[in-house]
């Protein structure tokens, strides 16, 4: 499995536009990685960054840590915060510092 703590914004570029699955819920939820955004300096090598994910309109997930699975990054625990409710679905942000 990839060491999530060593991943940088560039590590996620190959999966932008692809779907991952939140597997830590009773029913799996599919989310798409919409955007990777560099945020400047941070404690991790490569600096801080954010990931913007979009899920379905239901279920609406509360702010919490979820286990996300993707074929390229394996299963990782990610703290997601709902940031927008769009027609296409709810958007969630994860920030890495």
PDB file of N, CA and C in Angstrom:
ATOM      1  N   UNK A   1       0.838  -1.181   0.000  1.00  0.00           N
ATOM      2  CA  UNK A   1       0.000   0.000   0.000  1.00  0.00           C
ATOM      3  C   UNK A   1       0.885   1.248   0.000  1.00  0.00           C
ATOM      4  N   UNK A   2       0.431   2.281  -0.633  1.00  0.00           N
ATOM      5  CA  UNK A   2       1.149   3.553  -0.705  1.00  0.00           C
ATOM      6  C   UNK A   2       1.118   4.234   0.658  1.00  0.00           C
ATOM      7  N   UNK A   3       2.236   4.831   1.064  1.00  0.00           N
ATOM      8  CA  UNK A   3       2.284   5.579   2.320  1.00  0.00           C
ATOM      9  C   UNK A   3       1.614   6.933   2.107  1.00  0.00           C
ATOM     10  N   UNK A   4       0.411   7.051   2.620  1.00  0.00           N
ATOM     11  CA  UNK A   4      -0.405   8.247   2.411  1.00  0.00           C
ATOM     12  C   UNK A   4       0.275   9.502   2.944  1.00  0.00           C
ATOM     13  N   UNK A   5       1.056   9.368   3.982  1.00  0.00           N
ATOM     14  CA  UNK A   5       1.713  10.523   4.598  1.00  0.00           C
ATOM     15  C   UNK A   5       2.834  11.093   3.732  1.00  0.00           C
ATOM     16  N   UNK A   6       3.299  10.312   2.763  1.00  0.00           N
ATOM     17  CA  UNK A   6       4.362  10.781   1.879  1.00  0.00           C
ATOM     18  C   UNK A   6       3.834  11.245   0.523  1.00  0.00           C
ATOM     19  N   UNK A   7       2.532  11.136   0.307  1.00  0.00           N
ATOM     20  CA  UNK A   7       1.959  11.545  -0.980  1.00  0.00           C
ATOM     21  C   UNK A   7       1.918  13.066  -1.085  1.00  0.00           C
ATOM     22  N   UNK A   8       2.114  13.552  -2.287  1.00  0.00           N
ATOM     23  CA  UNK A   8       2.057  14.986  -2.568  1.00  0.00           C
ATOM     24  C   UNK A   8       0.875  15.259  -3.490  1.00  0.00           C
ATOM     25  N   UNK A   9       0.642  16.522  -3.803  1.00  0.00           N
ATOM     26  CA  UNK A   9      -0.424  16.873  -4.734  1.00  0.00           C
ATOM     27  C   UNK A   9      -0.225  16.153  -6.064  1.00  0.00           C
ATOM     28  N   UNK A  10       1.008  16.075  -6.518  1.00  0.00           N
ATOM     29  CA  UNK A  10       1.299  15.410  -7.803  1.00  0.00           C
ATOM     30  C   UNK A  10       0.949  13.921  -7.772  1.00  0.00           C
ATOM     31  N   UNK A  11       0.971  13.312  -6.591  1.00  0.00           N
ATOM     32  CA  UNK A  11       0.617  11.903  -6.469  1.00  0.00           C
ATOM     33  C   UNK A  11      -0.827  11.637  -6.885  1.00  0.00           C
ATOM     34  N   UNK A  12      -1.675  12.663  -6.736  1.00  0.00           N
ATOM     35  CA  UNK A  12      -3.098  12.500  -7.031  1.00  0.00           C
ATOM     36  C   UNK A  12      -3.470  12.925  -8.448  1.00  0.00           C
ATOM     37  N   UNK A  13      -2.563  13.594  -9.160  1.00  0.00           N
ATOM     38  CA  UNK A  13      -2.877  14.041 -10.528  1.00  0.00           C
ATOM     39  C   UNK A  13      -3.391  12.917 -11.421  1.00  0.00           C
ATOM     40  N   UNK A  14      -2.811  11.704 -11.374  1.00  0.00           N
ATOM     41  CA  UNK A  14      -3.286  10.638 -12.267  1.00  0.00           C
ATOM     42  C   UNK A  14      -4.718  10.166 -11.995  1.00  0.00           C
ATOM     43  N   UNK A  15      -5.273  10.474 -10.808  1.00  0.00           N
ATOM     44  CA  UNK A  15      -6.620   9.981 -10.526  1.00  0.00           C
ATOM     45  C   UNK A  15      -7.688  11.060 -10.594  1.00  0.00           C
ATOM     46  N   UNK A  16      -7.313  12.291 -10.986  1.00  0.00           N
ATOM     47  CA  UNK A  16      -8.322  13.334 -11.185  1.00  0.00           C
ATOM     48  C   UNK A  16      -9.266  12.868 -12.297  1.00  0.00           C
ATOM     49  N   UNK A  17     -10.563  12.990 -12.032  1.00  0.00           N
ATOM     50  CA  UNK A  17     -11.568  12.568 -13.003  1.00  0.00           C
ATOM     51  C   UNK A  17     -11.966  11.110 -12.872  1.00  0.00           C
ATOM     52  N   UNK A  18     -11.372  10.400 -11.926  1.00  0.00           N
ATOM     53  CA  UNK A  18     -11.741   9.001 -11.715  1.00  0.00           C
ATOM     54  C   UNK A  18     -12.513   8.864 -10.412  1.00  0.00           C
ATOM     55  N   UNK A  19     -13.134   7.713 -10.239  1.00  0.00           N
ATOM     56  CA  UNK A  19     -13.948   7.488  -9.054  1.00  0.00           C
ATOM     57  C   UNK A  19     -13.247   6.601  -8.041  1.00  0.00           C
ATOM     58  N   UNK A  20     -13.538   6.887  -6.793  1.00  0.00           N
ATOM     59  CA  UNK A  20     -13.095   6.068  -5.675  1.00  0.00           C
ATOM     60  C   UNK A  20     -14.355   5.658  -4.919  1.00  0.00           C
ATOM     61  N   UNK A  21     -14.199   4.741  -3.999  1.00  0.00           N
ATOM     62  CA  UNK A  21     -15.340   4.246  -3.227  1.00  0.00           C
ATOM     63  C   UNK A  21     -15.094   4.471  -1.750  1.00  0.00           C
ATOM     64  N   UNK A  22     -16.086   5.055  -1.081  1.00  0.00           N
ATOM     65  CA  UNK A  22     -16.025   5.163   0.375  1.00  0.00           C
ATOM     66  C   UNK A  22     -16.545   3.833   0.906  1.00  0.00           C
ATOM     67  N   UNK A  23     -15.658   3.081   1.533  1.00  0.00           N
ATOM     68  CA  UNK A  23     -15.986   1.718   1.943  1.00  0.00           C
ATOM     69  C   UNK A  23     -16.279   1.589   3.438  1.00  0.00           C
ATOM     70  N   UNK A  24     -16.184   2.677   4.182  1.00  0.00           N
ATOM     71  CA  UNK A  24     -16.366   2.601   5.629  1.00  0.00           C
ATOM     72  C   UNK A  24     -17.812   2.835   6.059  1.00  0.00           C
ATOM     73  N   UNK A  25     -18.727   2.873   5.119  1.00  0.00           N
ATOM     74  CA  UNK A  25     -20.142   3.071   5.424  1.00  0.00           C
ATOM     75  C   UNK A  25     -20.895   1.756   5.259  1.00  0.00           C
ATOM     76  N   UNK A  26     -22.129   1.707   5.740  1.00  0.00           N
ATOM     77  CA  UNK A  26     -22.951   0.501   5.567  1.00  0.00           C
ATOM     78  C   UNK A  26     -23.128   0.171   4.090  1.00  0.00           C
ATOM     79  N   UNK A  27     -23.389   1.200   3.284  1.00  0.00           N
ATOM     80  CA  UNK A  27     -23.489   1.039   1.832  1.00  0.00           C
ATOM     81  C   UNK A  27     -22.384   1.867   1.199  1.00  0.00           C
ATOM     82  N   UNK A  28     -21.642   1.272   0.262  1.00  0.00           N
ATOM     83  CA  UNK A  28     -20.545   1.995  -0.379  1.00  0.00           C
ATOM     84  C   UNK A  28     -21.066   3.207  -1.146  1.00  0.00           C
ATOM     85  N   UNK A  29     -20.273   4.289  -1.139  1.00  0.00           N
ATOM     86  CA  UNK A  29     -20.615   5.527  -1.849  1.00  0.00           C
ATOM     87  C   UNK A  29     -19.471   5.839  -2.808  1.00  0.00           C
ATOM     88  N   UNK A  30     -19.794   6.129  -4.050  1.00  0.00           N
ATOM     89  CA  UNK A  30     -18.792   6.476  -5.066  1.00  0.00           C
ATOM     90  C   UNK A  30     -18.585   7.986  -5.063  1.00  0.00           C
ATOM     91  N   UNK A  31     -17.311   8.404  -5.110  1.00  0.00           N
ATOM     92  CA  UNK A  31     -16.956   9.816  -5.193  1.00  0.00           C
ATOM     93  C   UNK A  31     -15.936   9.992  -6.315  1.00  0.00           C
ATOM     94  N   UNK A  32     -16.008  11.126  -6.974  1.00  0.00           N
ATOM     95  CA  UNK A  32     -15.072  11.432  -8.062  1.00  0.00           C
ATOM     96  C   UNK A  32     -14.119  12.525  -7.608  1.00  0.00           C
ATOM     97  N   UNK A  33     -12.835  12.343  -7.877  1.00  0.00           N
ATOM     98  CA  UNK A  33     -11.858  13.382  -7.565  1.00  0.00           C
ATOM     99  C   UNK A  33     -11.923  14.445  -8.653  1.00  0.00           C
ATOM    100  N   UNK A  34     -12.389  15.632  -8.280  1.00  0.00           N
ATOM    101  CA  UNK A  34     -12.559  16.723  -9.239  1.00  0.00           C
ATOM    102  C   UNK A  34     -11.310  17.571  -9.405  1.00  0.00           C
ATOM    103  N   UNK A  35     -10.595  17.786  -8.291  1.00  0.00           N
ATOM    104  CA  UNK A  35      -9.510  18.775  -8.338  1.00  0.00           C
ATOM    105  C   UNK A  35      -8.465  18.501  -7.264  1.00  0.00           C
ATOM    106  N   UNK A  36      -7.225  18.739  -7.630  1.00  0.00           N
ATOM    107  CA  UNK A  36      -6.107  18.748  -6.696  1.00  0.00           C
ATOM    108  C   UNK A  36      -5.560  20.166  -6.723  1.00  0.00           C
ATOM    109  N   UNK A  37      -5.445  20.773  -5.550  1.00  0.00           N
ATOM    110  CA  UNK A  37      -5.016  22.167  -5.497  1.00  0.00           C
ATOM    111  C   UNK A  37      -3.841  22.313  -4.529  1.00  0.00           C
ATOM    112  N   UNK A  38      -2.743  22.867  -5.018  1.00  0.00           N
ATOM    113  CA  UNK A  38      -1.565  23.143  -4.184  1.00  0.00           C
ATOM    114  C   UNK A  38      -1.903  24.317  -3.277  1.00  0.00           C
ATOM    115  N   UNK A  39      -1.554  24.230  -1.981  1.00  0.00           N
ATOM    116  CA  UNK A  39      -1.910  25.273  -1.021  1.00  0.00           C
ATOM    117  C   UNK A  39      -0.719  26.031  -0.462  1.00  0.00           C
ATOM    118  N   UNK A  40       0.471  25.726  -0.902  1.00  0.00           N
ATOM    119  CA  UNK A  40       1.647  26.418  -0.386  1.00  0.00           C
ATOM    120  C   UNK A  40       2.451  25.503   0.512  1.00  0.00           C
ATOM    121  N   UNK A  41       3.219  26.101   1.414  1.00  0.00           N
ATOM    122  CA  UNK A  41       4.098  25.299   2.262  1.00  0.00           C
ATOM    123  C   UNK A  41       3.286  24.545   3.310  1.00  0.00           C
ATOM    124  N   UNK A  42       3.863  23.490   3.797  1.00  0.00           N
ATOM    125  CA  UNK A  42       3.236  22.675   4.828  1.00  0.00           C
ATOM    126  C   UNK A  42       4.288  21.786   5.449  1.00  0.00           C
ATOM    127  N   UNK A  43       3.879  20.941   6.357  1.00  0.00           N
ATOM    128  CA  UNK A  43       4.819  20.055   7.039  1.00  0.00           C
ATOM    129  C   UNK A  43       5.250  18.887   6.166  1.00  0.00           C
ATOM    130  N   UNK A  44       4.428  18.515   5.182  1.00  0.00           N
ATOM    131  CA  UNK A  44       4.776  17.371   4.338  1.00  0.00           C
ATOM    132  C   UNK A  44       5.645  17.804   3.173  1.00  0.00           C
ATOM    133  N   UNK A  45       6.476  16.890   2.695  1.00  0.00           N
ATOM    134  CA  UNK A  45       7.308  17.169   1.530  1.00  0.00           C
ATOM    135  C   UNK A  45       6.393  17.481   0.349  1.00  0.00           C
ATOM    136  N   UNK A  46       6.706  18.512  -0.395  1.00  0.00           N
ATOM    137  CA  UNK A  46       5.871  18.908  -1.527  1.00  0.00           C
ATOM    138  C   UNK A  46       4.851  19.962  -1.164  1.00  0.00           C
ATOM    139  N   UNK A  47       4.693  20.251   0.120  1.00  0.00           N
ATOM    140  CA  UNK A  47       3.777  21.298   0.560  1.00  0.00           C
ATOM    141  C   UNK A  47       2.364  20.812   0.806  1.00  0.00           C
ATOM    142  N   UNK A  48       1.546  21.736   1.288  1.00  0.00           N
ATOM    143  CA  UNK A  48       0.145  21.443   1.591  1.00  0.00           C
ATOM    144  C   UNK A  48      -0.681  21.419   0.305  1.00  0.00           C
ATOM    145  N   UNK A  49      -1.778  20.658   0.339  1.00  0.00           N
ATOM    146  CA  UNK A  49      -2.663  20.597  -0.817  1.00  0.00           C
ATOM    147  C   UNK A  49      -4.060  20.179  -0.379  1.00  0.00           C
ATOM    148  N   UNK A  50      -5.018  20.370  -1.264  1.00  0.00           N
ATOM    149  CA  UNK A  50      -6.380  19.928  -0.988  1.00  0.00           C
ATOM    150  C   UNK A  50      -6.878  19.066  -2.137  1.00  0.00           C
ATOM    151  N   UNK A  51      -7.815  18.192  -1.811  1.00  0.00           N
ATOM    152  CA  UNK A  51      -8.488  17.356  -2.791  1.00  0.00           C
ATOM    153  C   UNK A  51      -9.971  17.688  -2.738  1.00  0.00           C
ATOM    154  N   UNK A  52     -10.589  17.907  -3.888  1.00  0.00           N
ATOM    155  CA  UNK A  52     -12.020  18.177  -3.959  1.00  0.00           C
ATOM    156  C   UNK A  52     -12.695  16.973  -4.598  1.00  0.00           C
ATOM    157  N   UNK A  53     -13.571  16.326  -3.830  1.00  0.00           N
ATOM    158  CA  UNK A  53     -14.289  15.136  -4.274  1.00  0.00           C
ATOM    159  C   UNK A  53     -15.761  15.496  -4.469  1.00  0.00           C
ATOM    160  N   UNK A  54     -16.425  14.812  -5.371  1.00  0.00           N
ATOM    161  CA  UNK A  54     -17.871  14.993  -5.530  1.00  0.00           C
ATOM    162  C   UNK A  54     -18.551  13.651  -5.408  1.00  0.00           C
ATOM    163  N   UNK A  55     -19.573  13.623  -4.544  1.00  0.00           N
ATOM    164  CA  UNK A  55     -20.361  12.419  -4.346  1.00  0.00           C
ATOM    165  C   UNK A  55     -21.785  12.654  -4.806  1.00  0.00           C
ATOM    166  N   UNK A  56     -22.650  11.688  -4.605  1.00  0.00           N
ATOM    167  CA  UNK A  56     -24.054  11.840  -4.993  1.00  0.00           C
ATOM    168  C   UNK A  56     -24.766  12.828  -4.072  1.00  0.00           C
ATOM    169  N   UNK A  57     -25.977  13.212  -4.460  1.00  0.00           N
ATOM    170  CA  UNK A  57     -26.759  14.123  -3.612  1.00  0.00           C
ATOM    171  C   UNK A  57     -27.232  13.426  -2.343  1.00  0.00           C
ATOM    172  N   UNK A  58     -27.355  12.118  -2.371  1.00  0.00           N
ATOM    173  CA  UNK A  58     -27.731  11.350  -1.184  1.00  0.00           C
ATOM    174  C   UNK A  58     -26.951  10.037  -1.207  1.00  0.00           C
ATOM    175  N   UNK A  59     -26.425   9.605  -0.112  1.00  0.00           N
ATOM    176  CA  UNK A  59     -26.546  10.230   1.191  1.00  0.00           C
ATOM    177  C   UNK A  59     -25.589  11.415   1.336  1.00  0.00           C
ATOM    178  N   UNK A  60     -25.997  12.396   2.108  1.00  0.00           N
ATOM    179  CA  UNK A  60     -25.129  13.529   2.434  1.00  0.00           C
ATOM    180  C   UNK A  60     -24.257  13.087   3.607  1.00  0.00           C
ATOM    181  N   UNK A  61     -22.960  13.110   3.408  1.00  0.00           N
ATOM    182  CA  UNK A  61     -22.040  12.643   4.440  1.00  0.00           C
ATOM    183  C   UNK A  61     -21.645  13.785   5.366  1.00  0.00           C
ATOM    184  N   UNK A  62     -21.724  13.584   6.672  1.00  0.00           N
ATOM    185  CA  UNK A  62     -21.264  14.620   7.600  1.00  0.00           C
ATOM    186  C   UNK A  62     -19.743  14.675   7.616  1.00  0.00           C
ATOM    187  N   UNK A  63     -19.215  15.751   8.128  1.00  0.00           N
ATOM    188  CA  UNK A  63     -17.774  15.900   8.305  1.00  0.00           C
ATOM    189  C   UNK A  63     -17.280  14.744   9.174  1.00  0.00           C
ATOM    190  N   UNK A  64     -16.341  13.974   8.650  1.00  0.00           N
ATOM    191  CA  UNK A  64     -15.837  12.819   9.390  1.00  0.00           C
ATOM    192  C   UNK A  64     -14.675  12.199   8.619  1.00  0.00           C
ATOM    193  N   UNK A  65     -14.052  11.202   9.235  1.00  0.00           N
ATOM    194  CA  UNK A  65     -13.007  10.433   8.575  1.00  0.00           C
ATOM    195  C   UNK A  65     -13.645   9.208   7.930  1.00  0.00           C
ATOM    196  N   UNK A  66     -13.325   9.001   6.650  1.00  0.00           N
ATOM    197  CA  UNK A  66     -13.873   7.885   5.882  1.00  0.00           C
ATOM    198  C   UNK A  66     -12.733   7.105   5.250  1.00  0.00           C
ATOM    199  N   UNK A  67     -12.931   5.815   5.070  1.00  0.00           N
ATOM    200  CA  UNK A  67     -11.957   4.985   4.356  1.00  0.00           C
ATOM    201  C   UNK A  67     -12.334   5.009   2.883  1.00  0.00           C
ATOM    202  N   UNK A  68     -11.401   5.517   2.054  1.00  0.00           N
ATOM    203  CA  UNK A  68     -11.608   5.630   0.617  1.00  0.00           C
ATOM    204  C   UNK A  68     -10.716   4.620  -0.090  1.00  0.00           C
ATOM    205  N   UNK A  69     -11.293   3.903  -1.049  1.00  0.00           N
ATOM    206  CA  UNK A  69     -10.541   2.909  -1.812  1.00  0.00           C
ATOM    207  C   UNK A  69     -10.474   3.326  -3.277  1.00  0.00           C
ATOM    208  N   UNK A  70      -9.279   3.226  -3.831  1.00  0.00           N
ATOM    209  CA  UNK A  70      -9.055   3.509  -5.254  1.00  0.00           C
ATOM    210  C   UNK A  70      -7.965   2.560  -5.725  1.00  0.00           C
ATOM    211  N   UNK A  71      -8.097   2.067  -6.944  1.00  0.00           N
ATOM    212  CA  UNK A  71      -7.150   1.058  -7.430  1.00  0.00           C
ATOM    213  C   UNK A  71      -5.703   1.549  -7.469  1.00  0.00           C
ATOM    214  N   UNK A  72      -5.478   2.856  -7.620  1.00  0.00           N
ATOM    215  CA  UNK A  72      -4.109   3.363  -7.703  1.00  0.00           C
ATOM    216  C   UNK A  72      -3.509   3.760  -6.358  1.00  0.00           C
ATOM    217  N   UNK A  73      -4.349   4.088  -5.373  1.00  0.00           N
ATOM    218  CA  UNK A  73      -3.819   4.525  -4.078  1.00  0.00           C
ATOM    219  C   UNK A  73      -4.148   3.562  -2.944  1.00  0.00           C
ATOM    220  N   UNK A  74      -4.883   2.509  -3.238  1.00  0.00           N
ATOM    221  CA  UNK A  74      -5.267   1.555  -2.204  1.00  0.00           C
ATOM    222  C   UNK A  74      -6.369   2.118  -1.326  1.00  0.00           C
ATOM    223  N   UNK A  75      -6.445   1.634  -0.097  1.00  0.00           N
ATOM    224  CA  UNK A  75      -7.432   2.133   0.870  1.00  0.00           C
ATOM    225  C   UNK A  75      -6.748   3.089   1.832  1.00  0.00           C
ATOM    226  N   UNK A  76      -7.344   4.255   1.990  1.00  0.00           N
ATOM    227  CA  UNK A  76      -6.765   5.298   2.833  1.00  0.00           C
ATOM    228  C   UNK A  76      -7.869   5.944   3.672  1.00  0.00           C
ATOM    229  N   UNK A  77      -7.543   6.336   4.894  1.00  0.00           N
ATOM    230  CA  UNK A  77      -8.483   7.082   5.732  1.00  0.00           C
ATOM    231  C   UNK A  77      -8.303   8.561   5.450  1.00  0.00           C
ATOM    232  N   UNK A  78      -9.412   9.229   5.110  1.00  0.00           N
ATOM    233  CA  UNK A  78      -9.376  10.640   4.716  1.00  0.00           C
ATOM    234  C   UNK A  78     -10.454  11.399   5.491  1.00  0.00           C
ATOM    235  N   UNK A  79     -10.083  12.546   6.041  1.00  0.00           N
ATOM    236  CA  UNK A  79     -11.044  13.416   6.723  1.00  0.00           C
ATOM    237  C   UNK A  79     -11.705  14.297   5.667  1.00  0.00           C
ATOM    238  N   UNK A  80     -13.009  14.117   5.459  1.00  0.00           N
ATOM    239  CA  UNK A  80     -13.754  14.869   4.451  1.00  0.00           C
ATOM    240  C   UNK A  80     -14.674  15.880   5.112  1.00  0.00           C
ATOM    241  N   UNK A  81     -14.735  17.066   4.510  1.00  0.00           N
ATOM    242  CA  UNK A  81     -15.610  18.138   4.973  1.00  0.00           C
ATOM    243  C   UNK A  81     -16.530  18.520   3.817  1.00  0.00           C
ATOM    244  N   UNK A  82     -17.856  18.475   4.008  1.00  0.00           N
ATOM    245  CA  UNK A  82     -18.748  18.924   2.938  1.00  0.00           C
ATOM    246  C   UNK A  82     -18.576  20.432   2.730  1.00  0.00           C
ATOM    247  N   UNK A  83     -18.378  20.850   1.474  1.00  0.00           N
ATOM    248  CA  UNK A  83     -18.113  22.264   1.193  1.00  0.00           C
ATOM    249  C   UNK A  83     -19.095  22.885   0.208  1.00  0.00           C
ATOM    250  N   UNK A  84     -19.836  22.073  -0.538  1.00  0.00           N
ATOM    251  CA  UNK A  84     -20.786  22.625  -1.518  1.00  0.00           C
ATOM    252  C   UNK A  84     -21.837  21.572  -1.861  1.00  0.00           C
ATOM    253  N   UNK A  85     -23.047  22.071  -2.108  1.00  0.00           N
ATOM    254  CA  UNK A  85     -24.137  21.208  -2.557  1.00  0.00           C
ATOM    255  C   UNK A  85     -24.520  21.668  -3.956  1.00  0.00           C
ATOM    256  N   UNK A  86     -24.047  20.967  -4.953  1.00  0.00           N
ATOM    257  CA  UNK A  86     -24.279  21.311  -6.359  1.00  0.00           C
ATOM    258  C   UNK A  86     -25.393  20.441  -6.929  1.00  0.00           C
ATOM    259  N   UNK A  87     -25.898  20.808  -8.097  1.00  0.00           N
ATOM    260  CA  UNK A  87     -26.915  20.016  -8.769  1.00  0.00           C
ATOM    261  C   UNK A  87     -26.418  18.595  -9.022  1.00  0.00           C
ATOM    262  N   UNK A  88     -25.154  18.464  -9.377  1.00  0.00           N
ATOM    263  CA  UNK A  88     -24.574  17.161  -9.700  1.00  0.00           C
ATOM    264  C   UNK A  88     -24.253  16.325  -8.454  1.00  0.00           C
ATOM    265  N   UNK A  89     -24.235  16.935  -7.291  1.00  0.00           N
ATOM    266  CA  UNK A  89     -23.938  16.197  -6.065  1.00  0.00           C
ATOM    267  C   UNK A  89     -23.268  17.068  -5.028  1.00  0.00           C
ATOM    268  N   UNK A  90     -22.911  16.443  -3.931  1.00  0.00           N
ATOM    269  CA  UNK A  90     -22.279  17.149  -2.814  1.00  0.00           C
ATOM    270  C   UNK A  90     -20.765  17.054  -2.964  1.00  0.00           C
ATOM    271  N   UNK A  91     -20.100  18.183  -2.753  1.00  0.00           N
ATOM    272  CA  UNK A  91     -18.654  18.225  -2.851  1.00  0.00           C
ATOM    273  C   UNK A  91     -18.036  18.209  -1.460  1.00  0.00           C
ATOM    274  N   UNK A  92     -16.934  17.486  -1.358  1.00  0.00           N
ATOM    275  CA  UNK A  92     -16.211  17.309  -0.109  1.00  0.00           C
ATOM    276  C   UNK A  92     -14.751  17.676  -0.315  1.00  0.00           C
ATOM    277  N   UNK A  93     -14.149  18.278   0.708  1.00  0.00           N
ATOM    278  CA  UNK A  93     -12.745  18.660   0.613  1.00  0.00           C
ATOM    279  C   UNK A  93     -11.939  17.942   1.683  1.00  0.00           C
ATOM    280  N   UNK A  94     -10.751  17.540   1.285  1.00  0.00           N
ATOM    281  CA  UNK A  94      -9.758  16.971   2.209  1.00  0.00           C
ATOM    282  C   UNK A  94      -8.513  17.830   2.099  1.00  0.00           C
ATOM    283  N   UNK A  95      -7.984  18.283   3.217  1.00  0.00           N
ATOM    284  CA  UNK A  95      -6.794  19.133   3.230  1.00  0.00           C
ATOM    285  C   UNK A  95      -5.650  18.397   3.890  1.00  0.00           C
ATOM    286  N   UNK A  96      -4.492  18.452   3.253  1.00  0.00           N
ATOM    287  CA  UNK A  96      -3.281  17.808   3.741  1.00  0.00           C
ATOM    288  C   UNK A  96      -2.216  18.871   3.970  1.00  0.00           C
ATOM    289  N   UNK A  97      -1.714  18.976   5.196  1.00  0.00           N
ATOM    290  CA  UNK A  97      -0.744  20.015   5.525  1.00  0.00           C
ATOM    291  C   UNK A  97       0.626  19.444   5.813  1.00  0.00           C
TER     292      UNK A  97
END
